[in-house]
PDB file of N, CA and C in Angstrom:
ATOM      1  N   MET A   1     104.545 135.939 101.314  1.00  0.00           N
ATOM      2  CA  MET A   1     105.793 135.600 100.785  1.00  0.00           C
ATOM      3  C   MET A   1     106.951 136.562 101.291  1.00  0.00           C
ATOM      4  N   THR A   2     108.136 136.180 101.609  1.00  0.00           N
ATOM      5  CA  THR A   2     109.252 136.797 102.184  1.00  0.00           C
ATOM      6  C   THR A   2     109.712 137.749 101.222  1.00  0.00           C
ATOM      7  N   GLU A   3     110.449 138.677 101.797  1.00  0.00           N
ATOM      8  CA  GLU A   3     111.163 139.650 100.689  1.00  0.00           C
ATOM      9  C   GLU A   3     112.186 139.007 100.070  1.00  0.00           C
ATOM     10  N   VAL A   4     113.017 137.896 100.600  1.00  0.00           N
ATOM     11  CA  VAL A   4     113.927 137.084  99.788  1.00  0.00           C
ATOM     12  C   VAL A   4     113.380 136.367  98.702  1.00  0.00           C
ATOM     13  N   ALA A   5     112.054 135.860  99.119  1.00  0.00           N
ATOM     14  CA  ALA A   5     111.431 135.029  97.925  1.00  0.00           C
ATOM     15  C   ALA A   5     110.921 136.135  96.742  1.00  0.00           C
ATOM     16  N   LYS A   6     110.546 137.184  97.089  1.00  0.00           N
ATOM     17  CA  LYS A   6     109.948 138.308  96.169  1.00  0.00           C
ATOM     18  C   LYS A   6     111.232 138.615  95.184  1.00  0.00           C
ATOM     19  N   LYS A   7     112.278 138.903  95.989  1.00  0.00           N
ATOM     20  CA  LYS A   7     113.416 139.290  95.104  1.00  0.00           C
ATOM     21  C   LYS A   7     113.821 138.206  94.198  1.00  0.00           C
ATOM     22  N   PHE A   8     113.709 136.852  94.772  1.00  0.00           N
ATOM     23  CA  PHE A   8     114.297 135.810  93.916  1.00  0.00           C
ATOM     24  C   PHE A   8     113.324 135.672  92.763  1.00  0.00           C
ATOM     25  N   MET A   9     112.006 135.909  92.911  1.00  0.00           N
ATOM     26  CA  MET A   9     110.922 135.691  91.929  1.00  0.00           C
ATOM     27  C   MET A   9     111.314 136.888  90.683  1.00  0.00           C
ATOM     28  N   GLU A  10     111.658 137.942  91.287  1.00  0.00           N
ATOM     29  CA  GLU A  10     111.810 139.243  90.158  1.00  0.00           C
ATOM     30  C   GLU A  10     113.005 138.650  89.528  1.00  0.00           C
ATOM     31  N   GLU A  11     114.142 138.210  89.990  1.00  0.00           N
ATOM     32  CA  GLU A  11     115.245 137.761  89.300  1.00  0.00           C
ATOM     33  C   GLU A  11     114.912 136.723  88.151  1.00  0.00           C
ATOM     34  N   ALA A  12     114.190 135.928  88.800  1.00  0.00           N
ATOM     35  CA  ALA A  12     113.663 134.773  88.017  1.00  0.00           C
ATOM     36  C   ALA A  12     112.796 135.189  86.724  1.00  0.00           C
ATOM     37  N   PHE A  13     112.144 136.186  86.830  1.00  0.00           N
ATOM     38  CA  PHE A  13     111.438 136.668  85.611  1.00  0.00           C
ATOM     39  C   PHE A  13     112.302 137.330  84.597  1.00  0.00           C
ATOM     40  N   LEU A  14     113.803 137.642  84.986  1.00  0.00           N
ATOM     41  CA  LEU A  14     114.564 137.921  84.000  1.00  0.00           C
ATOM     42  C   LEU A  14     115.312 136.846  83.205  1.00  0.00           C
ATOM     43  N   LEU A  15     115.182 135.700  83.737  1.00  0.00           N
ATOM     44  CA  LEU A  15     115.952 134.721  82.930  1.00  0.00           C
ATOM     45  C   LEU A  15     115.258 134.385  81.591  1.00  0.00           C
ATOM     46  N   PRO A  16     116.181 133.746  80.877  1.00  0.00           N
ATOM     47  CA  PRO A  16     115.333 133.136  79.331  1.00  0.00           C
ATOM     48  C   PRO A  16     114.407 132.284  79.897  1.00  0.00           C
ATOM     49  N   ARG A  17     113.457 132.060  78.902  1.00  0.00           N
ATOM     50  CA  ARG A  17     112.368 131.113  79.235  1.00  0.00           C
ATOM     51  C   ARG A  17     112.902 129.636  79.538  1.00  0.00           C
ATOM     52  N   GLU A  18     113.838 129.144  78.692  1.00  0.00           N
ATOM     53  CA  GLU A  18     114.239 127.717  79.126  1.00  0.00           C
ATOM     54  C   GLU A  18     114.742 127.746  80.416  1.00  0.00           C
ATOM     55  N   ASP A  19     115.477 128.587  81.048  1.00  0.00           N
ATOM     56  CA  ASP A  19     116.140 128.597  82.312  1.00  0.00           C
ATOM     57  C   ASP A  19     114.904 128.629  83.216  1.00  0.00           C
ATOM     58  N   ARG A  20     113.847 129.550  82.927  1.00  0.00           N
ATOM     59  CA  ARG A  20     112.810 129.687  83.972  1.00  0.00           C
ATOM     60  C   ARG A  20     112.044 128.156  84.018  1.00  0.00           C
ATOM     61  N   ALA A  21     111.813 127.536  82.678  1.00  0.00           N
ATOM     62  CA  ALA A  21     111.184 126.410  82.644  1.00  0.00           C
ATOM     63  C   ALA A  21     112.016 125.345  83.572  1.00  0.00           C
ATOM     64  N   GLU A  22     113.349 125.368  83.513  1.00  0.00           N
ATOM     65  CA  GLU A  22     114.154 124.320  84.186  1.00  0.00           C
ATOM     66  C   GLU A  22     113.961 124.724  85.633  1.00  0.00           C
ATOM     67  N   LEU A  23     114.054 125.763  86.091  1.00  0.00           N
ATOM     68  CA  LEU A  23     113.907 126.320  87.456  1.00  0.00           C
ATOM     69  C   LEU A  23     112.714 126.104  88.213  1.00  0.00           C
ATOM     70  N   VAL A  24     111.560 126.020  87.393  1.00  0.00           N
ATOM     71  CA  VAL A  24     110.332 125.564  87.826  1.00  0.00           C
ATOM     72  C   VAL A  24     110.339 124.231  88.108  1.00  0.00           C
ATOM     73  N   ASP A  25     110.764 123.272  87.114  1.00  0.00           N
ATOM     74  CA  ASP A  25     110.875 122.032  87.291  1.00  0.00           C
ATOM     75  C   ASP A  25     111.637 121.551  88.522  1.00  0.00           C
ATOM     76  N   LYS A  26     112.742 122.198  88.750  1.00  0.00           N
ATOM     77  CA  LYS A  26     113.629 121.981  89.901  1.00  0.00           C
ATOM     78  C   LYS A  26     112.950 122.249  91.232  1.00  0.00           C
ATOM     79  N   LEU A  27     112.011 123.504  91.252  1.00  0.00           N
ATOM     80  CA  LEU A  27     111.448 123.803  92.534  1.00  0.00           C
ATOM     81  C   LEU A  27     110.213 123.031  92.782  1.00  0.00           C
ATOM     82  N   LEU A  28     109.454 122.560  91.590  1.00  0.00           N
ATOM     83  CA  LEU A  28     108.351 121.705  91.907  1.00  0.00           C
ATOM     84  C   LEU A  28     108.766 120.187  92.462  1.00  0.00           C
ATOM     85  N   GLY A  29     110.044 119.699  91.738  1.00  0.00           N
ATOM     86  CA  GLY A  29     110.591 118.539  92.335  1.00  0.00           C
ATOM     87  C   GLY A  29     111.159 118.503  93.648  1.00  0.00           C
ATOM     88  N   SER A  30     111.443 119.747  94.258  1.00  0.00           N
ATOM     89  CA  SER A  30     111.747 119.790  95.507  1.00  0.00           C
ATOM     90  C   SER A  30     110.725 119.847  96.412  1.00  0.00           C
ATOM     91  N   LEU A  31     109.445 119.852  96.030  1.00  0.00           N
ATOM     92  CA  LEU A  31     108.438 119.649  97.052  1.00  0.00           C
ATOM     93  C   LEU A  31     108.127 118.086  97.487  1.00  0.00           C
ATOM     94  N   ASN A  32     108.670 117.387  96.629  1.00  0.00           N
ATOM     95  CA  ASN A  32     108.500 115.901  97.151  1.00  0.00           C
ATOM     96  C   ASN A  32     107.121 115.344  96.933  1.00  0.00           C
ATOM     97  N   VAL A  33     106.459 115.944  96.139  1.00  0.00           N
ATOM     98  CA  VAL A  33     104.902 115.505  96.033  1.00  0.00           C
ATOM     99  C   VAL A  33     104.755 114.496  94.946  1.00  0.00           C
ATOM    100  N   PRO A  34     104.552 113.331  95.397  1.00  0.00           N
ATOM    101  CA  PRO A  34     104.364 112.116  94.290  1.00  0.00           C
ATOM    102  C   PRO A  34     103.220 112.627  93.250  1.00  0.00           C
ATOM    103  N   VAL A  35     103.784 112.476  92.099  1.00  0.00           N
ATOM    104  CA  VAL A  35     102.680 112.616  90.861  1.00  0.00           C
ATOM    105  C   VAL A  35     102.185 111.163  90.522  1.00  0.00           C
ATOM    106  N   SER A  36     100.705 111.274  90.797  1.00  0.00           N
ATOM    107  CA  SER A  36      99.989 109.896  90.508  1.00  0.00           C
ATOM    108  C   SER A  36      99.683 109.618  89.112  1.00  0.00           C
ATOM    109  N   GLU A  37      99.653 108.510  88.669  1.00  0.00           N
ATOM    110  CA  GLU A  37      99.471 107.967  87.199  1.00  0.00           C
ATOM    111  C   GLU A  37      98.127 108.665  86.846  1.00  0.00           C
ATOM    112  N   GLU A  38      97.076 108.781  87.746  1.00  0.00           N
ATOM    113  CA  GLU A  38      95.695 109.117  87.577  1.00  0.00           C
ATOM    114  C   GLU A  38      95.767 110.927  87.233  1.00  0.00           C
ATOM    115  N   MET A  39      96.626 111.556  88.190  1.00  0.00           N
ATOM    116  CA  MET A  39      96.884 112.818  87.803  1.00  0.00           C
ATOM    117  C   MET A  39      97.614 113.232  86.401  1.00  0.00           C
ATOM    118  N   ASP A  40      98.480 112.206  86.045  1.00  0.00           N
ATOM    119  CA  ASP A  40      99.156 112.447  84.707  1.00  0.00           C
ATOM    120  C   ASP A  40      98.145 112.057  83.669  1.00  0.00           C
ATOM    121  N   ARG A  41      97.227 111.240  83.842  1.00  0.00           N
ATOM    122  CA  ARG A  41      96.141 110.856  82.700  1.00  0.00           C
ATOM    123  C   ARG A  41      95.209 112.049  82.564  1.00  0.00           C
ATOM    124  N   ILE A  42      94.766 112.786  83.739  1.00  0.00           N
ATOM    125  CA  ILE A  42      93.853 113.866  83.754  1.00  0.00           C
ATOM    126  C   ILE A  42      94.608 115.011  83.120  1.00  0.00           C
ATOM    127  N   TRP A  43      95.857 115.348  83.367  1.00  0.00           N
ATOM    128  CA  TRP A  43      96.325 116.405  82.586  1.00  0.00           C
ATOM    129  C   TRP A  43      96.520 116.154  81.100  1.00  0.00           C
ATOM    130  N   SER A  44      97.136 114.851  80.807  1.00  0.00           N
ATOM    131  CA  SER A  44      97.262 114.569  79.506  1.00  0.00           C
ATOM    132  C   SER A  44      95.935 114.748  78.520  1.00  0.00           C
ATOM    133  N   LYS A  45      94.907 114.451  79.179  1.00  0.00           N
ATOM    134  CA  LYS A  45      93.695 114.442  78.512  1.00  0.00           C
ATOM    135  C   LYS A  45      93.071 115.905  78.414  1.00  0.00           C
ATOM    136  N   GLU A  46      93.649 116.682  79.291  1.00  0.00           N
ATOM    137  CA  GLU A  46      93.128 118.050  79.243  1.00  0.00           C
ATOM    138  C   GLU A  46      94.080 118.675  78.195  1.00  0.00           C
ATOM    139  N   ALA A  47      95.219 118.337  78.198  1.00  0.00           N
ATOM    140  CA  ALA A  47      96.248 118.751  77.133  1.00  0.00           C
ATOM    141  C   ALA A  47      95.806 118.767  75.600  1.00  0.00           C
ATOM    142  N   GLU A  48      95.356 117.303  75.436  1.00  0.00           N
ATOM    143  CA  GLU A  48      94.649 116.917  74.325  1.00  0.00           C
ATOM    144  C   GLU A  48      93.684 117.806  73.739  1.00  0.00           C
ATOM    145  N   LYS A  49      92.707 117.925  74.774  1.00  0.00           N
ATOM    146  CA  LYS A  49      91.578 118.546  74.532  1.00  0.00           C
ATOM    147  C   LYS A  49      91.982 120.385  74.113  1.00  0.00           C
ATOM    148  N   ARG A  50      92.832 120.713  74.734  1.00  0.00           N
ATOM    149  CA  ARG A  50      93.313 122.303  74.549  1.00  0.00           C
ATOM    150  C   ARG A  50      93.913 122.156  72.986  1.00  0.00           C
ATOM    151  N   VAL A  51      94.688 121.252  72.875  1.00  0.00           N
ATOM    152  CA  VAL A  51      95.196 121.293  71.372  1.00  0.00           C
ATOM    153  C   VAL A  51      94.308 121.190  70.388  1.00  0.00           C
ATOM    154  N   LYS A  52      93.224 120.254  70.564  1.00  0.00           N
ATOM    155  CA  LYS A  52      92.221 120.309  69.570  1.00  0.00           C
ATOM    156  C   LYS A  52      91.384 121.349  69.309  1.00  0.00           C
ATOM    157  N   GLU A  53      90.961 122.070  70.639  1.00  0.00           N
ATOM    158  CA  GLU A  53      90.248 123.375  70.445  1.00  0.00           C
ATOM    159  C   GLU A  53      91.198 124.439  69.756  1.00  0.00           C
ATOM    160  N   TYR A  54      92.459 124.493  70.045  1.00  0.00           N
ATOM    161  CA  TYR A  54      93.369 125.418  69.269  1.00  0.00           C
ATOM    162  C   TYR A  54      93.242 125.115  67.694  1.00  0.00           C
ATOM    163  N   GLU A  55      93.496 123.694  67.422  1.00  0.00           N
ATOM    164  CA  GLU A  55      93.491 123.489  66.187  1.00  0.00           C
ATOM    165  C   GLU A  55      92.131 123.740  65.340  1.00  0.00           C
ATOM    166  N   GLU A  56      91.047 123.686  66.156  1.00  0.00           N
ATOM    167  CA  GLU A  56      89.718 123.942  65.591  1.00  0.00           C
ATOM    168  C   GLU A  56      89.327 125.345  65.614  1.00  0.00           C
ATOM    169  N   GLY A  57      90.386 126.193  66.073  1.00  0.00           N
ATOM    170  CA  GLY A  57      90.122 127.797  66.110  1.00  0.00           C
ATOM    171  C   GLY A  57      89.158 127.993  67.189  1.00  0.00           C
ATOM    172  N   LYS A  58      88.887 127.255  68.214  1.00  0.00           N
ATOM    173  CA  LYS A  58      87.804 127.634  69.452  1.00  0.00           C
ATOM    174  C   LYS A  58      88.419 128.488  70.294  1.00  0.00           C
ATOM    175  N   ILE A  59      90.026 128.338  70.402  1.00  0.00           N
ATOM    176  CA  ILE A  59      90.645 129.139  71.537  1.00  0.00           C
ATOM    177  C   ILE A  59      91.820 129.616  70.858  1.00  0.00           C
ATOM    178  N   LYS A  60      92.411 130.775  71.068  1.00  0.00           N
ATOM    179  CA  LYS A  60      93.631 131.337  70.490  1.00  0.00           C
ATOM    180  C   LYS A  60      94.920 131.072  71.497  1.00  0.00           C
ATOM    181  N   ALA A  61      96.145 131.018  71.062  1.00  0.00           N
ATOM    182  CA  ALA A  61      97.142 130.999  71.852  1.00  0.00           C
ATOM    183  C   ALA A  61      97.703 132.321  72.154  1.00  0.00           C
ATOM    184  N   ILE A  62      98.194 132.526  73.382  1.00  0.00           N
ATOM    185  CA  ILE A  62      98.696 133.988  73.866  1.00  0.00           C
ATOM    186  C   ILE A  62     100.137 133.645  74.060  1.00  0.00           C
ATOM    187  N   ASP A  63     100.832 134.579  73.611  1.00  0.00           N
ATOM    188  CA  ASP A  63     102.504 134.587  73.812  1.00  0.00           C
ATOM    189  C   ASP A  63     102.775 134.589  75.157  1.00  0.00           C
ATOM    190  N   GLY A  64     103.798 133.601  75.491  1.00  0.00           N
ATOM    191  CA  GLY A  64     104.086 133.534  77.008  1.00  0.00           C
ATOM    192  C   GLY A  64     104.573 134.698  77.483  1.00  0.00           C
ATOM    193  N   GLU A  65     105.339 135.520  76.801  1.00  0.00           N
ATOM    194  CA  GLU A  65     105.855 136.909  77.228  1.00  0.00           C
ATOM    195  C   GLU A  65     104.939 137.826  77.777  1.00  0.00           C
ATOM    196  N   GLN A  66     103.665 137.745  76.748  1.00  0.00           N
ATOM    197  CA  GLN A  66     102.615 138.648  77.261  1.00  0.00           C
ATOM    198  C   GLN A  66     101.963 137.924  78.628  1.00  0.00           C
ATOM    199  N   VAL A  67     101.664 136.925  78.806  1.00  0.00           N
ATOM    200  CA  VAL A  67     101.322 135.978  79.838  1.00  0.00           C
ATOM    201  C   VAL A  67     101.989 136.607  81.283  1.00  0.00           C
ATOM    202  N   PHE A  68     103.478 136.340  81.122  1.00  0.00           N
ATOM    203  CA  PHE A  68     104.302 136.679  82.312  1.00  0.00           C
ATOM    204  C   PHE A  68     104.097 138.303  82.540  1.00  0.00           C
ATOM    205  N   ARG A  69     103.935 138.990  81.477  1.00  0.00           N
ATOM    206  CA  ARG A  69     103.805 140.678  81.690  1.00  0.00           C
ATOM    207  C   ARG A  69     102.515 140.944  82.641  1.00  0.00           C
ATOM    208  N   GLU A  70     101.332 140.155  82.242  1.00  0.00           N
ATOM    209  CA  GLU A  70     100.157 140.373  82.874  1.00  0.00           C
ATOM    210  C   GLU A  70     100.332 139.821  84.362  1.00  0.00           C
ATOM    211  N   ILE A  71     100.928 138.761  84.474  1.00  0.00           N
ATOM    212  CA  ILE A  71     101.150 138.187  85.893  1.00  0.00           C
ATOM    213  C   ILE A  71     101.913 139.193  86.781  1.00  0.00           C
ATOM    214  N   ARG A  72     103.116 139.673  86.027  1.00  0.00           N
ATOM    215  CA  ARG A  72     103.830 140.587  86.905  1.00  0.00           C
ATOM    216  C   ARG A  72     103.164 141.762  87.304  1.00  0.00           C
ATOM    217  N   SER A  73     102.184 142.141  86.455  1.00  0.00           N
ATOM    218  CA  SER A  73     101.556 143.401  86.493  1.00  0.00           C
ATOM    219  C   SER A  73     100.508 143.334  87.725  1.00  0.00           C
ATOM    220  N   LYS A  74     100.121 142.130  88.065  1.00  0.00           N
ATOM    221  CA  LYS A  74      99.011 141.806  89.201  1.00  0.00           C
ATOM    222  C   LYS A  74      99.782 141.455  90.466  1.00  0.00           C
ATOM    223  N   LEU A  75     101.281 141.304  90.305  1.00  0.00           N
ATOM    224  CA  LEU A  75     101.851 141.127  91.837  1.00  0.00           C
ATOM    225  C   LEU A  75     102.194 142.277  92.544  1.00  0.00           C
TER     226      LEU A  75
END
């Protein structure tokens, strides 16, 4: 990763959650990778599975800020 990209990432982590989500959406869209219906179906099924496991108490949620702290500590 270039120094410019590293600086950009550091600045991006300071943004509010909603702004980060929008930024990620725009960056992913800029890759021009077509999303297949099959991939949408697979991710939808995975999301439904995770929600069910959460509701059944099989998994627990982790606060987004904690997740980002852990990611930043590994960079």
